[in-house]
Amino acid sequence: MQQGSEQLAAMAGVDGAAEAVEQMKLQQEKSKEELEAEREARKKAKAAEKAAKEAAKAARAAQRGQKQAAVTAPEADDPLASHYGDTELVQSQVQTERVWSDVASLTPDRVGQSVLVRARVHNVRGKGKSCFLVLRQATATVQAAMFVDDQSVSKGMVKYASALPRESIVDVEGKLSAPEAPVEGCSQSQVELHVTAIHCVSRSAVLPFEVTDAARSAEAVKKAAEAGEVLATVGQDVRLDNRFIDLRTPANQAIFRVQSAVCQLFRESLQGEGFIEIHTPKLLAGASEGGAAVFRFDYMGRPGCLAQSPQFYKQMAICSDLGRVFEIGPVFRAENSYTHRHLCEFTGLDMEMTVNESYHEVLDVLDRLFVHMFQGLNERCARELAVIGEQYPYEPLKFLPKSLRLTFAEGIQMLQEAGYDVDPFGDLNTELERALGKLVKEKYNTEFYMLHRYPLAIRPFYTMPCKDDPRYSCSFDIFIRGEEIISGAQRIHDPALLTERAEALGLPVETIQSYLDSFKYGAPPHGGCGVGLERVVMLFCGLDNIRKTSMFPRDPKRLEP
């Protein structure tokens, strides 16, 4: 009986435990349901909050629209109604004899003249019977003033101008006068435009950020913070997401004018040396240099890729007896390098030329080219460089009338003497390039120099080996401020040696057969190089990121706008 009782008790214990486990499961399921319900409630609350915000935003927009509608048209009983208001959409209806003046042309020698300008409303400040606007056109700004009187400016006119959204485009007529004191913050500080008529050509919507905030220097933000004031700044991603607005800042306007000048000076110099401009294909059947870093696509059912270099076609042009050629065109690199100096698409400045005896003939041309370019930028773009320096302060580039040339071995020796552990036949990484740039500047007082005779093992297959020591090559890199901007060399023009080098590096010869064939029928000795336009501008202007010098940059994370 006792044993039976014990068994019953044990069974009851088991049943109780099972029941407890079941209850725990039910509680857990209930907890899961409760948690899910709570999560759903939070989601609904967030959605409701978002909807409320959107509704409030829409209401504010409608209110702004009502206010705007009230000031877009002149007051009905205003005798000066024709002097202000929104214009009809410009659809090439007429072409009058009116003459528009550039804001940059508004100088003290024009005081007293009546002028007409079309510009953006950079800033506007209305108070009572007066209104002051800052008008902006590219890098130039001028103050426009309005004061209510009985003859040329009405209350309605001041009210209209005071309500103009920033970044709107306006036509402003008025008379130039000399202000009592220079106008701070305006490039045309010695003049002021007294407005007699103002018409809005295109109104701006609410801005994602203020151009004045995007144009502010880091130094200005720092000084304000020290004084206890917080100034708004605009991050890089926000700028690039709204690049069409970011490009309006004076510094950006100046950067791309400098970039344009670089291309002009590049052309000038090479055309003066007997070069002709060519245009090579960007849709290829194989990789430009046998690398894997290419953008591949389907080309009418066949594999294709975007050109990562015009290298092969420049050489074919030389084999076609064009003698000296250059190209300014897009280059595509499918490299997952998210750094301050790499882009997936950039503009290449490429050149190729025959040589009679030595690759130093190429370096001679490049020496003259870059000295011409740097001098030309300093002379022709002085105003633009000053504007860039206002937002991004930098030291002018140091360069010599005759550019410094060092062998790779000499560069390695300088680094080793400075205490760096360097492989004499290895490539220089970014840290070593910067270190060498610093050493060169200290010793030779230049930030632009040429490093040549690189180890053959670290150069492309088409690079000519040195005759006296095949461990080295007839190649070179060129540096600005410790960063490489150019890679070039004398090319192999012997088809047998070229095929041998390609096979040695594991390059499928069939993918470059048309390139190899171009050397079978007599090829002159030649050499050349390629340089990235955006990198040249970045380094010449002392900027910290290549995205600042690319109009609409493409990097591993960005494909729009």
Protein backbone atom coordinates (compact mmCIF):
# COMPACT_ATOMS: atom_id res chain seq x y z
CA MET A 1 0.00 0.00 0.00
CA GLN A 2 2.81 2.35 0.94
CA GLN A 3 4.57 1.65 -2.37
CA GLY A 4 1.32 2.30 -4.27
CA SER A 5 0.84 5.55 -2.41
CA GLU A 6 4.37 6.59 -3.30
CA GLN A 7 3.74 5.79 -6.97
CA LEU A 8 0.51 7.78 -6.94
CA ALA A 9 2.30 10.67 -5.29
CA ALA A 10 5.09 10.49 -7.86
CA MET A 11 2.56 10.41 -10.67
CA ALA A 12 0.74 13.36 -9.15
CA GLY A 13 4.08 15.18 -8.97
CA VAL A 14 4.76 14.46 -12.61
CA ASP A 15 1.29 15.59 -13.59
CA GLY A 16 1.75 18.77 -11.53
CA ALA A 17 5.06 19.48 -13.18
CA ALA A 18 3.56 18.92 -16.60
CA GLU A 19 0.70 21.23 -15.73
CA ALA A 20 3.18 23.85 -14.52
CA VAL A 21 5.16 23.57 -17.75
CA GLU A 22 1.95 23.90 -19.74
CA GLN A 23 0.98 26.99 -17.76
CA MET A 24 4.43 28.48 -18.36
CA LYS A 25 4.01 27.86 -22.11
CA LEU A 26 0.62 29.54 -22.04
CA GLN A 27 2.11 32.51 -20.18
CA GLN A 28 4.97 32.71 -22.68
CA GLU A 29 2.54 32.60 -25.59
CA LYS A 30 0.46 35.23 -23.86
CA SER A 31 3.60 37.31 -23.31
CA LYS A 32 4.49 36.96 -27.00
CA GLU A 33 1.00 38.02 -27.98
CA GLU A 34 1.18 40.95 -25.58
CA LEU A 35 4.61 41.94 -26.88
CA GLU A 36 3.37 41.70 -30.45
CA ALA A 37 0.33 43.78 -29.54
CA GLU A 38 2.54 46.36 -27.86
CA ARG A 39 4.81 46.49 -30.91
CA GLU A 40 1.81 46.90 -33.17
CA ALA A 41 0.45 49.66 -30.94
CA ARG A 42 3.79 51.46 -31.03
CA LYS A 43 3.88 51.18 -34.82
CA LYS A 44 0.38 52.60 -35.07
CA ALA A 45 1.28 55.41 -32.69
CA LYS A 46 4.36 56.25 -34.76
CA ALA A 47 2.32 56.15 -37.96
CA ALA A 48 -0.27 58.44 -36.39
CA GLU A 49 2.46 60.78 -35.19
CA LYS A 50 4.02 60.82 -38.65
CA ALA A 51 0.63 61.47 -40.25
CA ALA A 52 0.03 64.33 -37.82
CA LYS A 53 3.40 65.82 -38.67
CA GLU A 54 2.72 65.50 -42.39
CA ALA A 55 -0.69 67.12 -41.92
CA ALA A 56 0.87 69.97 -39.95
CA LYS A 57 3.55 70.33 -42.60
CA ALA A 58 0.91 70.43 -45.34
CA ALA A 59 -1.05 73.02 -43.37
CA ARG A 60 2.04 75.17 -42.99
CA ALA A 61 2.77 74.80 -46.69
CA ALA A 62 -0.79 75.81 -47.54
CA GLN A 63 -0.49 78.79 -45.22
CA ARG A 64 2.77 79.78 -46.86
CA GLY A 65 1.11 79.36 -50.24
CA GLN A 66 -1.70 81.68 -49.20
CA LYS A 67 0.75 84.26 -47.92
CA GLN A 68 2.83 83.90 -51.06
CA ALA A 69 -0.21 84.30 -53.29
CA ALA A 70 -0.98 87.51 -51.44
CA VAL A 71 2.39 89.02 -52.37
CA THR A 72 3.08 87.59 -55.84
CA ALA A 73 0.81 90.13 -57.49
CA PRO A 74 1.00 93.92 -57.13
CA GLU A 75 -1.62 95.73 -55.11
CA ALA A 76 -4.50 96.79 -57.38
CA ASP A 77 -4.46 100.47 -56.42
CA ASP A 78 -0.65 100.83 -56.45
CA PRO A 79 0.46 103.42 -59.05
CA LEU A 80 3.83 101.59 -59.19
CA ALA A 81 2.20 98.21 -59.80
CA SER A 82 4.16 97.70 -63.02
CA HIS A 83 7.45 98.00 -61.10
CA TYR A 84 7.12 94.67 -59.28
CA GLY A 85 5.47 91.26 -59.38
CA ASP A 86 6.03 87.79 -60.83
CA THR A 87 6.76 87.68 -64.55
CA GLU A 88 5.03 85.44 -67.04
CA LEU A 89 6.80 82.19 -67.81
CA VAL A 90 9.67 82.95 -70.16
CA GLN A 91 8.82 81.03 -73.34
CA SER A 92 10.83 83.01 -75.88
CA GLN A 93 7.83 85.23 -76.64
CA VAL A 94 9.92 88.30 -77.42
CA GLN A 95 13.50 89.46 -77.67
CA THR A 96 13.90 93.09 -76.64
CA GLU A 97 16.84 95.46 -76.71
CA ARG A 98 17.22 95.38 -72.93
CA VAL A 99 20.78 94.83 -71.69
CA TRP A 100 21.54 92.77 -68.58
CA SER A 101 24.69 93.43 -66.56
CA ASP A 102 26.74 90.81 -64.73
CA VAL A 103 26.89 91.36 -60.98
CA ALA A 104 30.69 91.12 -61.15
CA SER A 105 30.70 94.11 -63.54
CA LEU A 106 29.05 96.42 -60.98
CA THR A 107 32.11 98.43 -59.99
CA PRO A 108 32.62 101.96 -58.58
CA ASP A 109 33.33 103.40 -62.04
CA ARG A 110 29.69 102.66 -62.91
CA VAL A 111 28.17 104.63 -60.02
CA GLY A 112 25.25 106.72 -61.29
CA GLN A 113 24.39 104.30 -64.09
CA SER A 114 21.02 102.55 -64.37
CA VAL A 115 21.48 98.79 -64.66
CA LEU A 116 19.42 95.63 -65.05
CA VAL A 117 20.62 92.38 -63.46
CA ARG A 118 19.22 88.86 -63.23
CA ALA A 119 20.39 87.10 -60.10
CA ARG A 120 19.38 84.88 -57.21
CA VAL A 121 18.05 86.24 -53.94
CA HIS A 122 20.91 85.21 -51.65
CA ASN A 123 19.39 86.93 -48.64
CA VAL A 124 16.51 89.30 -47.95
CA ARG A 125 15.75 91.51 -44.96
CA GLY A 126 12.65 93.69 -44.84
CA LYS A 127 11.80 96.12 -42.07
CA GLY A 128 9.04 98.69 -42.17
CA LYS A 129 9.46 100.93 -45.19
CA SER A 130 12.79 99.45 -46.30
CA CYS A 131 14.12 96.21 -47.71
CA PHE A 132 17.67 95.01 -48.32
CA LEU A 133 18.48 92.11 -50.62
CA VAL A 134 21.77 90.43 -51.39
CA LEU A 135 21.78 89.39 -55.03
CA ARG A 136 24.09 86.55 -56.08
CA GLN A 137 25.39 85.55 -59.48
CA ALA A 138 27.97 82.74 -59.42
CA THR A 139 30.71 84.00 -57.05
CA ALA A 140 29.66 87.67 -57.16
CA THR A 141 27.24 89.35 -54.74
CA VAL A 142 25.86 92.88 -54.44
CA GLN A 143 23.49 94.58 -52.02
CA ALA A 144 20.23 95.97 -53.38
CA ALA A 145 18.29 98.49 -51.29
CA MET A 146 14.69 99.71 -51.40
CA PHE A 147 13.20 102.64 -49.48
CA VAL A 148 9.57 103.72 -49.75
CA ASP A 149 9.11 107.07 -51.48
CA ASP A 150 6.44 108.66 -53.64
CA GLN A 151 8.24 108.28 -56.97
CA SER A 152 10.04 104.95 -57.40
CA VAL A 153 9.29 102.59 -54.48
CA SER A 154 5.89 101.88 -52.94
CA LYS A 155 4.87 100.07 -49.75
CA GLY A 156 3.51 97.24 -51.87
CA MET A 157 6.84 96.95 -53.65
CA VAL A 158 8.76 96.67 -50.37
CA LYS A 159 6.23 94.15 -49.06
CA TYR A 160 6.61 92.08 -52.25
CA ALA A 161 10.41 92.09 -52.15
CA SER A 162 10.53 91.29 -48.43
CA ALA A 163 8.48 88.13 -49.02
CA LEU A 164 10.66 86.74 -51.83
CA PRO A 165 11.97 83.25 -50.97
CA ARG A 166 15.74 82.91 -50.87
CA GLU A 167 17.24 81.35 -54.02
CA SER A 168 14.46 82.76 -56.21
CA ILE A 169 15.62 84.30 -59.49
CA VAL A 170 14.77 87.96 -59.97
CA ASP A 171 15.23 90.74 -62.52
CA VAL A 172 16.24 93.91 -60.69
CA GLU A 173 16.48 97.39 -62.18
CA GLY A 174 18.03 100.29 -60.36
CA LYS A 175 20.73 102.91 -60.11
CA LEU A 176 24.20 102.18 -58.78
CA SER A 177 25.31 104.32 -55.88
CA ALA A 178 28.30 104.47 -53.56
CA PRO A 179 27.42 103.26 -50.04
CA GLU A 180 28.47 105.28 -47.00
CA ALA A 181 30.68 102.37 -45.92
CA PRO A 182 31.79 99.21 -47.76
CA VAL A 183 29.08 96.55 -47.72
CA GLU A 184 30.38 93.68 -45.61
CA GLY A 185 29.89 90.19 -46.98
CA CYS A 186 29.41 91.27 -50.60
CA SER A 187 32.03 90.87 -53.31
CA GLN A 188 30.90 94.17 -54.87
CA SER A 189 31.37 96.00 -51.57
CA GLN A 190 32.00 99.46 -53.05
CA VAL A 191 28.60 99.78 -54.72
CA GLU A 192 24.94 99.44 -53.81
CA LEU A 193 21.99 99.03 -56.15
CA HIS A 194 19.03 101.31 -55.40
CA VAL A 195 16.06 99.37 -56.75
CA THR A 196 13.42 100.94 -58.97
CA ALA A 197 11.85 97.70 -60.25
CA ILE A 198 11.94 94.05 -59.21
CA HIS A 199 10.26 91.08 -60.88
CA CYS A 200 10.50 87.42 -59.92
CA VAL A 201 11.35 85.11 -62.83
CA SER A 202 11.37 81.85 -60.85
CA ARG A 203 10.34 81.28 -57.24
CA SER A 204 12.20 78.82 -55.03
CA ALA A 205 10.42 76.18 -52.97
CA VAL A 206 11.39 75.58 -49.34
CA LEU A 207 15.11 74.73 -49.35
CA PRO A 208 16.54 71.51 -47.85
CA PHE A 209 19.32 73.72 -46.47
CA GLU A 210 20.42 77.32 -46.76
CA VAL A 211 23.15 78.13 -49.26
CA THR A 212 24.63 80.50 -46.68
CA ASP A 213 24.98 77.54 -44.27
CA ALA A 214 26.62 75.41 -46.96
CA ALA A 215 29.01 78.27 -47.78
CA ARG A 216 30.18 78.70 -44.19
CA SER A 217 33.81 77.89 -43.37
CA ALA A 218 34.81 75.55 -40.55
CA GLU A 219 36.78 78.41 -39.03
CA ALA A 220 33.66 80.61 -38.86
CA VAL A 221 31.73 77.81 -37.13
CA LYS A 222 34.58 77.32 -34.65
CA LYS A 223 34.83 81.02 -33.80
CA ALA A 224 31.08 81.24 -33.32
CA ALA A 225 31.14 78.23 -30.99
CA GLU A 226 33.89 79.85 -28.92
CA ALA A 227 31.64 82.90 -28.59
CA GLY A 228 28.72 80.71 -27.48
CA GLU A 229 26.88 80.92 -30.80
CA VAL A 230 25.72 77.88 -32.76
CA LEU A 231 25.92 78.16 -36.55
CA ALA A 232 24.23 75.65 -38.82
CA THR A 233 26.42 73.41 -40.97
CA VAL A 234 25.59 71.03 -43.81
CA GLY A 235 27.02 67.50 -43.94
CA GLN A 236 28.62 65.98 -47.03
CA ASP A 237 25.84 63.47 -47.72
CA VAL A 238 23.13 66.14 -47.47
CA ARG A 239 25.14 68.34 -49.82
CA LEU A 240 25.59 65.57 -52.36
CA ASP A 241 21.95 64.47 -52.12
CA ASN A 242 21.04 68.05 -53.08
CA ARG A 243 24.08 68.76 -55.23
CA PHE A 244 22.20 71.11 -57.57
CA ILE A 245 21.80 73.46 -54.60
CA ASP A 246 25.21 72.79 -53.06
CA LEU A 247 26.87 73.77 -56.35
CA ARG A 248 25.48 77.28 -55.93
CA THR A 249 27.88 78.16 -53.11
CA PRO A 250 30.62 80.62 -54.13
CA ALA A 251 33.36 78.08 -53.35
CA ASN A 252 31.79 75.42 -55.57
CA GLN A 253 31.23 77.93 -58.34
CA ALA A 254 34.94 78.76 -58.12
CA ILE A 255 36.07 75.12 -57.95
CA PHE A 256 34.43 74.22 -61.25
CA ARG A 257 35.73 77.33 -62.95
CA VAL A 258 39.22 76.28 -61.85
CA GLN A 259 38.49 72.78 -63.17
CA SER A 260 37.48 74.24 -66.53
CA ALA A 261 40.71 76.24 -66.60
CA VAL A 262 42.75 73.08 -65.93
CA CYS A 263 41.28 71.46 -69.06
CA GLN A 264 41.88 74.61 -71.09
CA LEU A 265 45.51 74.87 -69.95
CA PHE A 266 46.05 71.14 -70.56
CA ARG A 267 44.82 71.55 -74.13
CA GLU A 268 46.79 74.75 -74.68
CA SER A 269 50.07 73.26 -73.55
CA LEU A 270 49.82 70.00 -75.48
CA GLN A 271 48.49 71.59 -78.66
CA GLY A 272 51.45 73.96 -78.44
CA GLU A 273 53.69 70.86 -78.33
CA GLY A 274 52.16 69.43 -81.51
CA PHE A 275 49.58 67.09 -79.94
CA ILE A 276 46.16 66.42 -81.44
CA GLU A 277 43.01 65.60 -79.45
CA ILE A 278 41.43 62.18 -79.98
CA HIS A 279 38.36 60.36 -78.66
CA THR A 280 38.61 56.67 -77.82
CA PRO A 281 35.75 54.17 -77.25
CA LYS A 282 34.40 53.57 -73.75
CA LEU A 283 32.49 50.36 -74.59
CA LEU A 284 35.01 47.52 -74.67
CA ALA A 285 35.02 43.77 -75.15
CA GLY A 286 37.63 43.20 -72.44
CA ALA A 287 39.33 44.96 -69.55
CA SER A 288 41.45 47.95 -70.53
CA GLU A 289 44.46 46.83 -68.55
CA GLY A 290 43.58 43.21 -67.91
CA GLY A 291 42.31 43.97 -64.41
CA ALA A 292 39.12 42.81 -62.74
CA ALA A 293 38.03 46.25 -61.56
CA VAL A 294 35.73 46.97 -64.50
CA PHE A 295 32.00 47.56 -64.85
CA ARG A 296 30.63 44.68 -66.90
CA PHE A 297 27.42 44.67 -68.93
CA ASP A 298 25.62 42.80 -71.67
CA TYR A 299 26.47 44.22 -75.10
CA MET A 300 23.92 42.90 -77.58
CA GLY A 301 24.29 39.39 -76.17
CA ARG A 302 28.06 39.62 -75.72
CA PRO A 303 30.02 40.46 -72.56
CA GLY A 304 31.31 44.04 -72.48
CA CYS A 305 32.80 46.46 -70.00
CA LEU A 306 33.31 50.18 -69.52
CA ALA A 307 36.80 51.49 -70.24
CA GLN A 308 38.96 51.91 -67.16
CA SER A 309 41.64 53.57 -69.29
CA PRO A 310 42.11 54.77 -72.89
CA GLN A 311 45.58 53.21 -72.72
CA PHE A 312 45.37 50.64 -75.51
CA TYR A 313 43.67 52.99 -77.95
CA LYS A 314 46.16 55.78 -77.35
CA GLN A 315 48.90 53.33 -78.23
CA MET A 316 47.04 52.17 -81.33
CA ALA A 317 46.81 55.84 -82.35
CA ILE A 318 50.59 56.10 -82.06
CA CYS A 319 50.95 52.96 -84.18
CA SER A 320 48.68 54.72 -86.71
CA ASP A 321 51.31 57.48 -87.05
CA LEU A 322 49.34 60.16 -85.20
CA GLY A 323 52.58 60.93 -83.36
CA ARG A 324 51.35 62.88 -80.33
CA VAL A 325 47.81 62.50 -78.98
CA PHE A 326 45.78 63.45 -75.93
CA GLU A 327 42.26 62.87 -74.66
CA ILE A 328 39.98 64.38 -72.02
CA GLY A 329 37.27 61.84 -71.27
CA PRO A 330 35.46 59.68 -68.71
CA VAL A 331 37.20 56.81 -66.95
CA PHE A 332 35.39 54.04 -65.05
CA ARG A 333 36.87 52.04 -62.16
CA ALA A 334 34.82 49.38 -60.36
CA GLU A 335 36.99 49.63 -57.26
CA ASN A 336 35.30 49.40 -53.88
CA SER A 337 37.53 52.15 -52.49
CA TYR A 338 35.57 54.57 -50.34
CA THR A 339 38.38 57.02 -49.65
CA HIS A 340 38.96 60.76 -49.88
CA ARG A 341 40.71 60.43 -53.26
CA HIS A 342 38.97 57.64 -55.20
CA LEU A 343 35.94 57.72 -57.49
CA CYS A 344 34.27 55.05 -59.62
CA GLU A 345 33.91 57.56 -62.46
CA PHE A 346 36.23 60.47 -63.10
CA THR A 347 37.60 62.57 -65.95
CA GLY A 348 40.94 61.42 -67.30
CA LEU A 349 43.54 63.71 -68.86
CA ASP A 350 45.58 61.31 -70.99
CA MET A 351 48.49 61.81 -73.36
CA GLU A 352 50.71 59.55 -75.49
CA MET A 353 53.68 60.41 -77.70
CA THR A 354 56.49 58.87 -79.70
CA VAL A 355 59.94 59.01 -78.14
CA ASN A 356 63.24 58.98 -79.97
CA GLU A 357 65.53 57.73 -77.22
CA SER A 358 64.18 57.96 -73.68
CA TYR A 359 61.03 58.20 -71.58
CA HIS A 360 62.55 61.38 -70.17
CA GLU A 361 61.24 63.05 -73.35
CA VAL A 362 57.74 62.41 -71.95
CA LEU A 363 58.79 63.83 -68.58
CA ASP A 364 60.13 66.94 -70.34
CA VAL A 365 56.71 67.55 -71.93
CA LEU A 366 54.93 66.93 -68.62
CA ASP A 367 57.30 69.29 -66.83
CA ARG A 368 56.47 72.12 -69.22
CA LEU A 369 52.76 71.22 -69.15
CA PHE A 370 52.32 71.38 -65.38
CA VAL A 371 54.43 74.49 -64.88
CA HIS A 372 52.29 76.15 -67.58
CA MET A 373 49.14 74.88 -65.85
CA PHE A 374 50.09 76.00 -62.34
CA GLN A 375 51.26 79.42 -63.48
CA GLY A 376 48.14 79.80 -65.63
CA LEU A 377 45.82 78.91 -62.75
CA ASN A 378 47.51 81.40 -60.43
CA GLU A 379 47.24 84.15 -63.04
CA ARG A 380 43.84 83.47 -64.63
CA CYS A 381 41.95 82.14 -61.61
CA ALA A 382 43.24 84.43 -58.86
CA ARG A 383 39.71 85.53 -57.95
CA GLU A 384 38.34 81.96 -57.93
CA LEU A 385 41.25 80.67 -55.84
CA ALA A 386 40.65 83.45 -53.32
CA VAL A 387 36.95 82.52 -53.11
CA ILE A 388 37.84 78.85 -52.52
CA GLY A 389 40.29 79.90 -49.82
CA GLU A 390 37.60 81.85 -47.98
CA GLN A 391 35.65 78.65 -47.26
CA TYR A 392 38.51 76.14 -47.45
CA PRO A 393 41.74 77.91 -46.38
CA TYR A 394 44.90 76.46 -47.94
CA GLU A 395 48.52 77.28 -48.71
CA PRO A 396 49.33 77.97 -52.40
CA LEU A 397 51.09 75.06 -54.09
CA LYS A 398 54.88 75.22 -54.06
CA PHE A 399 56.47 74.21 -57.37
CA LEU A 400 59.75 74.82 -59.19
CA PRO A 401 60.31 76.39 -62.65
CA LYS A 402 62.08 73.12 -63.52
CA SER A 403 60.31 70.20 -61.85
CA LEU A 404 62.27 67.95 -59.50
CA ARG A 405 63.01 64.39 -60.66
CA LEU A 406 64.04 61.61 -58.31
CA THR A 407 64.58 57.93 -59.03
CA PHE A 408 62.52 55.44 -57.07
CA ALA A 409 65.73 54.26 -55.39
CA GLU A 410 66.52 57.84 -54.31
CA GLY A 411 63.04 58.17 -52.85
CA ILE A 412 63.45 54.89 -50.97
CA GLN A 413 66.79 56.11 -49.62
CA MET A 414 65.23 59.35 -48.34
CA LEU A 415 62.55 57.36 -46.52
CA GLN A 416 65.05 54.90 -45.04
CA GLU A 417 67.29 57.72 -43.83
CA ALA A 418 64.23 59.24 -42.14
CA GLY A 419 63.68 55.97 -40.26
CA TYR A 420 60.98 54.32 -42.38
CA ASP A 421 61.07 50.56 -42.97
CA VAL A 422 60.63 50.32 -46.75
CA ASP A 423 60.84 47.43 -49.22
CA PRO A 424 63.20 48.70 -51.96
CA PHE A 425 61.22 46.76 -54.59
CA GLY A 426 57.74 47.20 -53.15
CA ASP A 427 55.15 49.82 -54.00
CA LEU A 428 54.65 52.89 -51.83
CA ASN A 429 51.46 52.97 -49.80
CA THR A 430 49.56 56.16 -49.04
CA GLU A 431 51.41 56.74 -45.76
CA LEU A 432 54.83 56.41 -47.41
CA GLU A 433 53.83 58.65 -50.33
CA ARG A 434 52.82 61.38 -47.89
CA ALA A 435 55.97 60.92 -45.85
CA LEU A 436 58.13 61.21 -48.97
CA GLY A 437 56.19 64.28 -50.06
CA LYS A 438 56.93 65.91 -46.72
CA LEU A 439 60.63 65.04 -46.96
CA VAL A 440 60.83 66.40 -50.52
CA LYS A 441 59.16 69.65 -49.48
CA GLU A 442 61.57 70.11 -46.58
CA LYS A 443 64.65 69.38 -48.69
CA TYR A 444 63.74 70.86 -52.08
CA ASN A 445 60.96 73.38 -51.22
CA THR A 446 58.53 71.90 -53.73
CA GLU A 447 55.23 70.01 -53.47
CA PHE A 448 55.30 68.87 -57.09
CA TYR A 449 57.87 66.29 -58.16
CA MET A 450 58.45 63.28 -60.41
CA LEU A 451 59.50 59.85 -59.16
CA HIS A 452 60.76 57.54 -61.92
CA ARG A 453 62.39 54.16 -62.59
CA TYR A 454 59.93 52.10 -60.55
CA PRO A 455 60.46 48.36 -59.93
CA LEU A 456 59.12 46.39 -62.92
CA ALA A 457 57.23 43.92 -60.71
CA ILE A 458 54.76 46.58 -59.53
CA ARG A 459 53.97 48.07 -62.96
CA PRO A 460 51.48 46.99 -65.70
CA PHE A 461 52.49 44.36 -68.27
CA TYR A 462 53.02 46.89 -71.08
CA THR A 463 55.74 48.81 -69.18
CA MET A 464 59.20 48.79 -70.77
CA PRO A 465 61.93 47.20 -68.60
CA CYS A 466 65.16 49.13 -68.01
CA LYS A 467 68.03 47.91 -70.21
CA ASP A 468 70.72 48.30 -67.54
CA ASP A 469 68.73 46.57 -64.77
CA PRO A 470 65.57 44.61 -65.73
CA ARG A 471 64.40 44.73 -62.12
CA TYR A 472 63.44 48.34 -62.81
CA SER A 473 61.21 49.89 -65.46
CA CYS A 474 61.09 52.99 -67.66
CA SER A 475 58.15 54.30 -65.67
CA PHE A 476 57.20 57.22 -63.44
CA ASP A 477 54.65 58.65 -61.06
CA ILE A 478 54.07 62.36 -60.40
CA PHE A 479 53.00 63.77 -57.04
CA ILE A 480 51.27 66.87 -55.67
CA ARG A 481 51.30 67.53 -51.92
CA GLY A 482 52.41 63.95 -51.23
CA GLU A 483 49.68 62.27 -53.29
CA GLU A 484 50.09 60.54 -56.64
CA ILE A 485 48.30 62.17 -59.57
CA ILE A 486 49.98 60.55 -62.57
CA SER A 487 51.18 57.09 -63.47
CA GLY A 488 53.01 56.66 -66.77
CA ALA A 489 55.81 54.93 -68.62
CA GLN A 490 57.52 54.08 -71.86
CA ARG A 491 55.39 51.31 -73.35
CA ILE A 492 56.63 48.04 -74.80
CA HIS A 493 56.36 48.37 -78.58
CA ASP A 494 57.84 44.95 -79.46
CA PRO A 495 54.95 42.45 -79.91
CA ALA A 496 56.97 39.41 -78.79
CA LEU A 497 58.11 41.07 -75.55
CA LEU A 498 54.61 42.45 -75.00
CA THR A 499 53.04 38.99 -75.34
CA GLU A 500 55.69 37.51 -73.05
CA ARG A 501 54.98 40.11 -70.33
CA ALA A 502 51.20 39.64 -70.61
CA GLU A 503 51.51 35.87 -70.23
CA ALA A 504 53.93 36.28 -67.32
CA LEU A 505 51.32 38.28 -65.44
CA GLY A 506 48.56 35.78 -66.24
CA LEU A 507 46.62 38.00 -68.62
CA PRO A 508 44.51 36.03 -71.17
CA VAL A 509 46.17 37.03 -74.44
CA GLU A 510 43.02 36.46 -76.48
CA THR A 511 41.27 39.33 -74.67
CA ILE A 512 43.87 41.82 -75.95
CA GLN A 513 44.67 40.27 -79.32
CA SER A 514 43.62 43.33 -81.35
CA TYR A 515 45.88 45.43 -79.13
CA LEU A 516 48.82 43.06 -79.66
CA ASP A 517 48.17 42.94 -83.41
CA SER A 518 48.58 46.71 -83.68
CA PHE A 519 52.29 46.32 -82.90
CA LYS A 520 53.00 43.67 -85.57
CA TYR A 521 53.28 46.07 -88.48
CA GLY A 522 55.90 48.48 -87.21
CA ALA A 523 55.41 50.38 -83.96
CA PRO A 524 57.48 53.43 -82.93
CA PRO A 525 58.92 53.71 -79.42
CA HIS A 526 56.44 55.67 -77.33
CA GLY A 527 55.26 56.57 -73.85
CA GLY A 528 52.56 58.44 -72.02
CA CYS A 529 50.46 58.77 -68.92
CA GLY A 530 47.05 59.49 -67.44
CA VAL A 531 45.99 61.92 -64.73
CA GLY A 532 42.69 62.36 -62.92
CA LEU A 533 41.24 65.85 -63.42
CA GLU A 534 39.36 65.84 -60.11
CA ARG A 535 42.45 64.82 -58.18
CA VAL A 536 44.58 67.56 -59.75
CA VAL A 537 42.02 70.22 -58.79
CA MET A 538 41.62 68.77 -55.29
CA LEU A 539 45.34 68.82 -54.57
CA PHE A 540 46.13 72.14 -56.26
CA CYS A 541 43.40 73.81 -54.16
CA GLY A 542 44.39 71.95 -51.00
CA LEU A 543 40.95 70.35 -50.59
CA ASP A 544 40.41 67.34 -48.36
CA ASN A 545 37.99 65.28 -50.47
CA ILE A 546 37.75 64.50 -54.17
CA ARG A 547 33.96 64.69 -54.00
CA LYS A 548 34.35 68.45 -53.72
CA THR A 549 35.88 68.54 -57.21
CA SER A 550 33.47 66.12 -58.92
CA MET A 551 30.28 67.81 -60.08
CA PHE A 552 28.10 64.75 -59.43
CA PRO A 553 30.45 62.21 -57.81
CA ARG A 554 30.14 58.47 -58.29
CA ASP A 555 31.69 56.35 -55.57
CA PRO A 556 30.91 52.81 -54.28
CA LYS A 557 27.95 54.19 -52.29
CA ARG A 558 26.55 56.82 -54.65
CA LEU A 559 24.84 56.52 -58.03
CA GLU A 560 22.61 59.61 -57.88
CA PRO A 561 21.69 62.40 -58.36
